[in-house]
Amino acid sequence: HAAKAKLKRYKQAVLKAAFSEGEPTRLEELCEFITKGTTPTKDMLPANGTVPFIKVYNLTRDGSLDFTIDPTFVSPEVHNGFLARSICYPGDVLMNIVGPPLGKISLVPDDYPEWNINQAIARYRCKSGLRAKYLMYYLLCESTAQELMATTKATAGQFNLTLAYCRDLKLPIVSIKQQDVIVAHLEDKLGTIDATEATLDAQLFESTRLRQAVLKRAFEGRLV
């Protein structure tokens, strides 16, 4: 467990170091209109909907989107009508704005050509001068999440992040070429960290399994 905690700290150090240079620039200047989703009424969520509707529990802390968890769909009519403002496309970056916890970030995959989101998620669509993965990794930084937390308003234990602050958040911007280098570096480093963590998890699982087997044999009086 101590080793896993060290890996987590190292991962955050790698992320933070990647954004140590650049000109702090408001995300509103780097992205198309930043918006959030809307919650449709129950009758707008038919059993035969075809457009995937993303909720906070589908977002993750590693940039991926897990749509295997209770997948919800809306009809094309609702998607293009009531929810038209929050249509998402592959490559959009999503962040939850209601917590705790905050800091769940996902890059929309290309499993479907179009998606939609509920009211607890903000959508970033990068302009030509910003790579989506560069933004994604910046939002995954713990220091960014802490900065966001400092601006939230808590009501009955729930934190709400305003769209105004989502737009005002400043990202250290570098050239596209440098962004690509940084993203490649992060994918290499974080991939190694994740592989190490998976190995640790497997070792911990095996250790627990062996310990339980030994205890079982002991209680059965077969440990000699």
C-alpha atoms as a PDB file:
ATOM      1  CA  HIS A   1       0.000   0.000   0.000  1.00  0.00           C
ATOM      2  CA  ALA A   2       2.894   2.361   0.750  1.00  0.00           C
ATOM      3  CA  ALA A   3       4.339   1.582  -2.683  1.00  0.00           C
ATOM      4  CA  LYS A   4       1.010   2.439  -4.341  1.00  0.00           C
ATOM      5  CA  ALA A   5       0.861   5.732  -2.459  1.00  0.00           C
ATOM      6  CA  LYS A   6       4.386   6.570  -3.678  1.00  0.00           C
ATOM      7  CA  LEU A   7       3.363   5.753  -7.246  1.00  0.00           C
ATOM      8  CA  LYS A   8       0.375   8.080  -6.948  1.00  0.00           C
ATOM      9  CA  ARG A   9       2.585  10.914  -5.680  1.00  0.00           C
ATOM     10  CA  TYR A  10       5.112  10.271  -8.454  1.00  0.00           C
ATOM     11  CA  LYS A  11       2.337  10.300 -11.058  1.00  0.00           C
ATOM     12  CA  GLN A  12       1.135  13.692  -9.825  1.00  0.00           C
ATOM     13  CA  ALA A  13       4.712  15.023  -9.783  1.00  0.00           C
ATOM     14  CA  VAL A  14       5.146  13.958 -13.423  1.00  0.00           C
ATOM     15  CA  LEU A  15       1.885  15.668 -14.398  1.00  0.00           C
ATOM     16  CA  LYS A  16       2.689  18.871 -12.522  1.00  0.00           C
ATOM     17  CA  ALA A  17       6.195  19.111 -14.004  1.00  0.00           C
ATOM     18  CA  ALA A  18       4.791  18.809 -17.530  1.00  0.00           C
ATOM     19  CA  PHE A  19       2.982  22.140 -17.135  1.00  0.00           C
ATOM     20  CA  SER A  20       5.763  24.145 -15.512  1.00  0.00           C
ATOM     21  CA  GLU A  21       6.268  26.314 -18.604  1.00  0.00           C
ATOM     22  CA  GLY A  22       4.002  28.234 -20.939  1.00  0.00           C
ATOM     23  CA  GLU A  23       1.844  31.353 -21.070  1.00  0.00           C
ATOM     24  CA  PRO A  24      -1.175  31.091 -18.712  1.00  0.00           C
ATOM     25  CA  THR A  25      -4.182  31.496 -21.005  1.00  0.00           C
ATOM     26  CA  ARG A  26      -7.913  31.371 -20.206  1.00  0.00           C
ATOM     27  CA  LEU A  27      -9.607  28.255 -21.496  1.00  0.00           C
ATOM     28  CA  GLU A  28     -12.387  30.389 -22.940  1.00  0.00           C
ATOM     29  CA  GLU A  29      -9.814  31.700 -25.424  1.00  0.00           C
ATOM     30  CA  LEU A  30      -8.506  28.227 -26.272  1.00  0.00           C
ATOM     31  CA  CYS A  31     -11.817  26.387 -26.656  1.00  0.00           C
ATOM     32  CA  GLU A  32     -15.080  26.711 -28.508  1.00  0.00           C
ATOM     33  CA  PHE A  33     -18.091  27.667 -26.357  1.00  0.00           C
ATOM     34  CA  ILE A  34     -17.687  25.893 -23.009  1.00  0.00           C
ATOM     35  CA  THR A  35     -21.010  24.576 -21.779  1.00  0.00           C
ATOM     36  CA  LYS A  36     -22.618  21.913 -19.611  1.00  0.00           C
ATOM     37  CA  GLY A  37     -25.364  19.396 -20.153  1.00  0.00           C
ATOM     38  CA  THR A  38     -29.014  19.288 -19.166  1.00  0.00           C
ATOM     39  CA  THR A  39     -30.975  16.618 -17.363  1.00  0.00           C
ATOM     40  CA  PRO A  40     -33.804  15.287 -19.526  1.00  0.00           C
ATOM     41  CA  THR A  41     -37.074  14.118 -17.993  1.00  0.00           C
ATOM     42  CA  LYS A  42     -37.602  10.363 -17.551  1.00  0.00           C
ATOM     43  CA  ASP A  43     -39.839  10.145 -20.591  1.00  0.00           C
ATOM     44  CA  MET A  44     -36.905  11.476 -22.653  1.00  0.00           C
ATOM     45  CA  LEU A  45     -34.831   8.396 -21.779  1.00  0.00           C
ATOM     46  CA  PRO A  46     -36.512   5.660 -23.830  1.00  0.00           C
ATOM     47  CA  ALA A  47     -35.407   2.063 -23.758  1.00  0.00           C
ATOM     48  CA  ASN A  48     -34.688   2.258 -27.491  1.00  0.00           C
ATOM     49  CA  GLY A  49     -32.580   5.458 -27.466  1.00  0.00           C
ATOM     50  CA  THR A  50     -29.533   5.404 -29.720  1.00  0.00           C
ATOM     51  CA  VAL A  51     -27.434   8.419 -28.634  1.00  0.00           C
ATOM     52  CA  PRO A  52     -25.225   7.725 -25.570  1.00  0.00           C
ATOM     53  CA  PHE A  53     -25.946  10.015 -22.607  1.00  0.00           C
ATOM     54  CA  ILE A  54     -22.946  10.441 -20.293  1.00  0.00           C
ATOM     55  CA  LYS A  55     -23.254  10.816 -16.513  1.00  0.00           C
ATOM     56  CA  VAL A  56     -20.592  11.610 -13.901  1.00  0.00           C
ATOM     57  CA  TYR A  57     -20.133   7.946 -12.962  1.00  0.00           C
ATOM     58  CA  ASN A  58     -18.946   7.292 -16.536  1.00  0.00           C
ATOM     59  CA  LEU A  59     -16.038   9.723 -16.090  1.00  0.00           C
ATOM     60  CA  THR A  60     -12.719   8.513 -14.665  1.00  0.00           C
ATOM     61  CA  ARG A  61      -9.503   9.778 -13.100  1.00  0.00           C
ATOM     62  CA  ASP A  62      -7.240   8.637 -15.948  1.00  0.00           C
ATOM     63  CA  GLY A  63      -8.826  10.391 -18.921  1.00  0.00           C
ATOM     64  CA  SER A  64     -10.746   7.392 -20.251  1.00  0.00           C
ATOM     65  CA  LEU A  65     -14.544   7.138 -20.444  1.00  0.00           C
ATOM     66  CA  ASP A  66     -16.216   4.069 -18.902  1.00  0.00           C
ATOM     67  CA  PHE A  67     -19.571   3.762 -20.616  1.00  0.00           C
ATOM     68  CA  THR A  68     -20.002   0.169 -19.410  1.00  0.00           C
ATOM     69  CA  ILE A  69     -21.403   1.516 -16.117  1.00  0.00           C
ATOM     70  CA  ASP A  70     -25.209   1.749 -16.387  1.00  0.00           C
ATOM     71  CA  PRO A  71     -25.196   3.044 -19.988  1.00  0.00           C
ATOM     72  CA  THR A  72     -28.050   5.469 -20.750  1.00  0.00           C
ATOM     73  CA  PHE A  73     -29.290   6.581 -24.164  1.00  0.00           C
ATOM     74  CA  VAL A  74     -31.536   9.332 -25.534  1.00  0.00           C
ATOM     75  CA  SER A  75     -33.419   9.532 -28.800  1.00  0.00           C
ATOM     76  CA  PRO A  76     -31.990  11.471 -31.767  1.00  0.00           C
ATOM     77  CA  GLU A  77     -34.948  13.854 -31.422  1.00  0.00           C
ATOM     78  CA  VAL A  78     -34.083  14.740 -27.793  1.00  0.00           C
ATOM     79  CA  HIS A  79     -30.377  14.847 -28.632  1.00  0.00           C
ATOM     80  CA  ASN A  80     -30.875  17.335 -31.474  1.00  0.00           C
ATOM     81  CA  GLY A  81     -33.676  19.233 -29.731  1.00  0.00           C
ATOM     82  CA  PHE A  82     -33.846  19.553 -25.937  1.00  0.00           C
ATOM     83  CA  LEU A  83     -30.152  18.609 -25.543  1.00  0.00           C
ATOM     84  CA  ALA A  84     -28.766  20.317 -28.662  1.00  0.00           C
ATOM     85  CA  ARG A  85     -26.638  22.728 -26.600  1.00  0.00           C
ATOM     86  CA  SER A  86     -24.585  19.903 -25.063  1.00  0.00           C
ATOM     87  CA  ILE A  87     -23.889  17.623 -28.032  1.00  0.00           C
ATOM     88  CA  CYS A  88     -20.416  16.071 -27.716  1.00  0.00           C
ATOM     89  CA  TYR A  89     -18.093  14.664 -30.348  1.00  0.00           C
ATOM     90  CA  PRO A  90     -15.064  12.352 -30.146  1.00  0.00           C
ATOM     91  CA  GLY A  91     -12.112  14.390 -28.914  1.00  0.00           C
ATOM     92  CA  ASP A  92     -14.131  16.653 -26.606  1.00  0.00           C
ATOM     93  CA  VAL A  93     -12.821  16.828 -23.021  1.00  0.00           C
ATOM     94  CA  LEU A  94     -15.334  16.343 -20.188  1.00  0.00           C
ATOM     95  CA  MET A  95     -15.028  17.346 -16.524  1.00  0.00           C
ATOM     96  CA  ASN A  96     -17.474  16.895 -13.670  1.00  0.00           C
ATOM     97  CA  ILE A  97     -18.566  20.166 -12.067  1.00  0.00           C
ATOM     98  CA  VAL A  98     -20.565  18.637  -9.208  1.00  0.00           C
ATOM     99  CA  GLY A  99     -18.875  16.700  -6.389  1.00  0.00           C
ATOM    100  CA  PRO A 100     -17.396  15.506  -4.240  1.00  0.00           C
ATOM    101  CA  PRO A 101     -15.151  14.367  -5.667  1.00  0.00           C
ATOM    102  CA  LEU A 102     -14.171  16.827  -8.370  1.00  0.00           C
ATOM    103  CA  GLY A 103     -11.377  16.044 -10.825  1.00  0.00           C
ATOM    104  CA  LYS A 104     -13.012  13.309 -12.926  1.00  0.00           C
ATOM    105  CA  ILE A 105     -11.887  13.874 -16.509  1.00  0.00           C
ATOM    106  CA  SER A 106     -12.629  11.975 -19.718  1.00  0.00           C
ATOM    107  CA  LEU A 107     -11.737  12.310 -23.375  1.00  0.00           C
ATOM    108  CA  VAL A 108     -14.780  11.416 -25.482  1.00  0.00           C
ATOM    109  CA  PRO A 109     -13.904   8.279 -27.522  1.00  0.00           C
ATOM    110  CA  ASP A 110     -15.002   7.468 -31.067  1.00  0.00           C
ATOM    111  CA  ASP A 111     -17.239   4.512 -30.127  1.00  0.00           C
ATOM    112  CA  TYR A 112     -20.193   6.648 -31.250  1.00  0.00           C
ATOM    113  CA  PRO A 113     -20.193   9.612 -33.666  1.00  0.00           C
ATOM    114  CA  GLU A 114     -22.118  11.827 -31.223  1.00  0.00           C
ATOM    115  CA  TRP A 115     -22.763  11.840 -27.464  1.00  0.00           C
ATOM    116  CA  ASN A 116     -24.541  13.985 -24.884  1.00  0.00           C
ATOM    117  CA  ILE A 117     -23.982  14.891 -21.217  1.00  0.00           C
ATOM    118  CA  ASN A 118     -25.992  15.701 -18.106  1.00  0.00           C
ATOM    119  CA  GLN A 119     -25.977  18.920 -16.086  1.00  0.00           C
ATOM    120  CA  ALA A 120     -23.119  17.836 -13.782  1.00  0.00           C
ATOM    121  CA  ILE A 121     -20.568  17.743 -16.624  1.00  0.00           C
ATOM    122  CA  ALA A 122     -18.773  20.544 -18.482  1.00  0.00           C
ATOM    123  CA  ARG A 123     -17.640  20.144 -22.090  1.00  0.00           C
ATOM    124  CA  TYR A 124     -14.427  21.556 -23.584  1.00  0.00           C
ATOM    125  CA  ARG A 125     -13.943  21.516 -27.360  1.00  0.00           C
ATOM    126  CA  CYS A 126     -10.422  22.635 -28.261  1.00  0.00           C
ATOM    127  CA  LYS A 127      -9.646  25.161 -30.983  1.00  0.00           C
ATOM    128  CA  SER A 128      -6.799  24.532 -33.433  1.00  0.00           C
ATOM    129  CA  GLY A 129      -4.085  25.829 -31.078  1.00  0.00           C
ATOM    130  CA  LEU A 130      -4.802  23.306 -28.314  1.00  0.00           C
ATOM    131  CA  ARG A 131      -4.483  19.531 -28.288  1.00  0.00           C
ATOM    132  CA  ALA A 132      -7.314  17.766 -26.436  1.00  0.00           C
ATOM    133  CA  LYS A 133      -4.908  15.423 -24.644  1.00  0.00           C
ATOM    134  CA  TYR A 134      -2.770  18.347 -23.482  1.00  0.00           C
ATOM    135  CA  LEU A 135      -5.877  19.875 -21.878  1.00  0.00           C
ATOM    136  CA  MET A 136      -6.968  16.493 -20.514  1.00  0.00           C
ATOM    137  CA  TYR A 137      -3.664  15.908 -18.723  1.00  0.00           C
ATOM    138  CA  TYR A 138      -3.699  19.435 -17.302  1.00  0.00           C
ATOM    139  CA  LEU A 139      -7.174  18.886 -15.859  1.00  0.00           C
ATOM    140  CA  LEU A 140      -6.002  15.563 -14.387  1.00  0.00           C
ATOM    141  CA  CYS A 141      -3.356  17.378 -12.309  1.00  0.00           C
ATOM    142  CA  GLU A 142      -4.197  17.311  -8.608  1.00  0.00           C
ATOM    143  CA  SER A 143      -3.047  20.930  -8.352  1.00  0.00           C
ATOM    144  CA  THR A 144      -5.651  21.904 -10.983  1.00  0.00           C
ATOM    145  CA  ALA A 145      -8.364  20.042  -9.066  1.00  0.00           C
ATOM    146  CA  GLN A 146      -7.337  21.821  -5.850  1.00  0.00           C
ATOM    147  CA  GLU A 147      -7.494  25.164  -7.632  1.00  0.00           C
ATOM    148  CA  LEU A 148     -10.984  24.306  -8.841  1.00  0.00           C
ATOM    149  CA  MET A 149     -12.075  23.176  -5.367  1.00  0.00           C
ATOM    150  CA  ALA A 150     -11.031  26.550  -3.932  1.00  0.00           C
ATOM    151  CA  THR A 151     -13.637  28.257  -6.138  1.00  0.00           C
ATOM    152  CA  THR A 152     -16.582  25.955  -5.473  1.00  0.00           C
ATOM    153  CA  LYS A 153     -19.657  26.687  -3.418  1.00  0.00           C
ATOM    154  CA  ALA A 154     -20.695  23.941  -1.016  1.00  0.00           C
ATOM    155  CA  THR A 155     -24.384  23.281  -0.404  1.00  0.00           C
ATOM    156  CA  ALA A 156     -25.425  20.421   1.885  1.00  0.00           C
ATOM    157  CA  GLY A 157     -22.037  18.756   1.376  1.00  0.00           C
ATOM    158  CA  GLN A 158     -22.214  19.063  -2.411  1.00  0.00           C
ATOM    159  CA  PHE A 159     -19.655  21.108  -4.343  1.00  0.00           C
ATOM    160  CA  ASN A 160     -20.740  22.998  -7.439  1.00  0.00           C
ATOM    161  CA  LEU A 161     -18.281  24.470  -9.901  1.00  0.00           C
ATOM    162  CA  THR A 162     -19.582  27.328 -12.045  1.00  0.00           C
ATOM    163  CA  LEU A 163     -19.165  27.437 -15.806  1.00  0.00           C
ATOM    164  CA  ALA A 164     -17.716  30.916 -15.378  1.00  0.00           C
ATOM    165  CA  TYR A 165     -14.734  29.459 -13.560  1.00  0.00           C
ATOM    166  CA  CYS A 166     -14.451  26.584 -16.044  1.00  0.00           C
ATOM    167  CA  ARG A 167     -13.996  29.276 -18.691  1.00  0.00           C
ATOM    168  CA  ASP A 168     -11.636  31.409 -16.575  1.00  0.00           C
ATOM    169  CA  LEU A 169      -9.295  28.545 -15.656  1.00  0.00           C
ATOM    170  CA  LYS A 170      -5.825  29.287 -17.021  1.00  0.00           C
ATOM    171  CA  LEU A 171      -3.764  26.685 -18.856  1.00  0.00           C
ATOM    172  CA  PRO A 172      -0.010  27.198 -19.455  1.00  0.00           C
ATOM    173  CA  ILE A 173      -0.003  27.168 -23.246  1.00  0.00           C
ATOM    174  CA  VAL A 174       2.979  26.218 -25.415  1.00  0.00           C
ATOM    175  CA  SER A 175       3.260  25.596 -29.164  1.00  0.00           C
ATOM    176  CA  ILE A 176       1.406  22.688 -30.782  1.00  0.00           C
ATOM    177  CA  LYS A 177       4.755  20.988 -31.409  1.00  0.00           C
ATOM    178  CA  GLN A 178       5.678  21.283 -27.720  1.00  0.00           C
ATOM    179  CA  GLN A 179       2.222  20.080 -26.710  1.00  0.00           C
ATOM    180  CA  ASP A 180       2.720  16.944 -28.819  1.00  0.00           C
ATOM    181  CA  VAL A 181       6.118  16.318 -27.203  1.00  0.00           C
ATOM    182  CA  ILE A 182       4.668  16.770 -23.708  1.00  0.00           C
ATOM    183  CA  VAL A 183       1.708  14.468 -24.434  1.00  0.00           C
ATOM    184  CA  ALA A 184       4.019  11.751 -25.820  1.00  0.00           C
ATOM    185  CA  HIS A 185       6.271  12.099 -22.742  1.00  0.00           C
ATOM    186  CA  LEU A 186       3.293  11.845 -20.376  1.00  0.00           C
ATOM    187  CA  GLU A 187       1.835   8.825 -22.170  1.00  0.00           C
ATOM    188  CA  ASP A 188       5.190   7.050 -21.907  1.00  0.00           C
ATOM    189  CA  LYS A 189       5.767   7.910 -18.234  1.00  0.00           C
ATOM    190  CA  LEU A 190       2.182   7.347 -17.081  1.00  0.00           C
ATOM    191  CA  GLY A 191       1.994   4.093 -19.034  1.00  0.00           C
ATOM    192  CA  THR A 192       5.018   2.798 -17.108  1.00  0.00           C
ATOM    193  CA  ILE A 193       3.487   3.934 -13.807  1.00  0.00           C
ATOM    194  CA  ASP A 194       0.157   2.250 -14.612  1.00  0.00           C
ATOM    195  CA  ALA A 195       1.937  -0.992 -15.576  1.00  0.00           C
ATOM    196  CA  THR A 196       3.875  -0.928 -12.304  1.00  0.00           C
ATOM    197  CA  GLU A 197       0.658  -0.310 -10.376  1.00  0.00           C
ATOM    198  CA  ALA A 198      -1.043  -3.238 -12.136  1.00  0.00           C
ATOM    199  CA  THR A 199       1.878  -5.487 -11.161  1.00  0.00           C
ATOM    200  CA  LEU A 200       1.596  -4.330  -7.535  1.00  0.00           C
ATOM    201  CA  ASP A 201      -2.147  -5.002  -7.554  1.00  0.00           C
ATOM    202  CA  ALA A 202      -1.542  -8.523  -8.859  1.00  0.00           C
ATOM    203  CA  GLN A 203       1.096  -9.147  -6.176  1.00  0.00           C
ATOM    204  CA  LEU A 204      -1.182  -7.821  -3.427  1.00  0.00           C
ATOM    205  CA  PHE A 205      -4.022 -10.025  -4.666  1.00  0.00           C
ATOM    206  CA  GLU A 206      -1.791 -13.109  -4.730  1.00  0.00           C
ATOM    207  CA  SER A 207      -0.413 -12.285  -1.269  1.00  0.00           C
ATOM    208  CA  THR A 208      -3.934 -11.961   0.150  1.00  0.00           C
ATOM    209  CA  ARG A 209      -5.036 -15.196  -1.526  1.00  0.00           C
ATOM    210  CA  LEU A 210      -2.069 -17.126  -0.094  1.00  0.00           C
ATOM    211  CA  ARG A 211      -2.594 -15.691   3.386  1.00  0.00           C
ATOM    212  CA  GLN A 212      -6.264 -16.719   3.331  1.00  0.00           C
ATOM    213  CA  ALA A 213      -5.323 -20.215   2.150  1.00  0.00           C
ATOM    214  CA  VAL A 214      -2.818 -20.579   5.006  1.00  0.00           C
ATOM    215  CA  LEU A 215      -5.369 -19.383   7.572  1.00  0.00           C
ATOM    216  CA  LYS A 216      -7.971 -21.791   6.205  1.00  0.00           C
ATOM    217  CA  ARG A 217      -5.564 -24.698   6.508  1.00  0.00           C
ATOM    218  CA  ALA A 218      -4.635 -23.592  10.037  1.00  0.00           C
ATOM    219  CA  PHE A 219      -8.249 -23.479  11.193  1.00  0.00           C
ATOM    220  CA  GLU A 220      -8.858 -26.900   9.630  1.00  0.00           C
ATOM    221  CA  GLY A 221      -5.888 -28.275  11.540  1.00  0.00           C
ATOM    222  CA  ARG A 222      -4.062 -29.169   8.349  1.00  0.00           C
ATOM    223  CA  LEU A 223      -1.126 -26.796   8.783  1.00  0.00           C
ATOM    224  CA  VAL A 224       1.883 -28.974   9.582  1.00  0.00           C
END
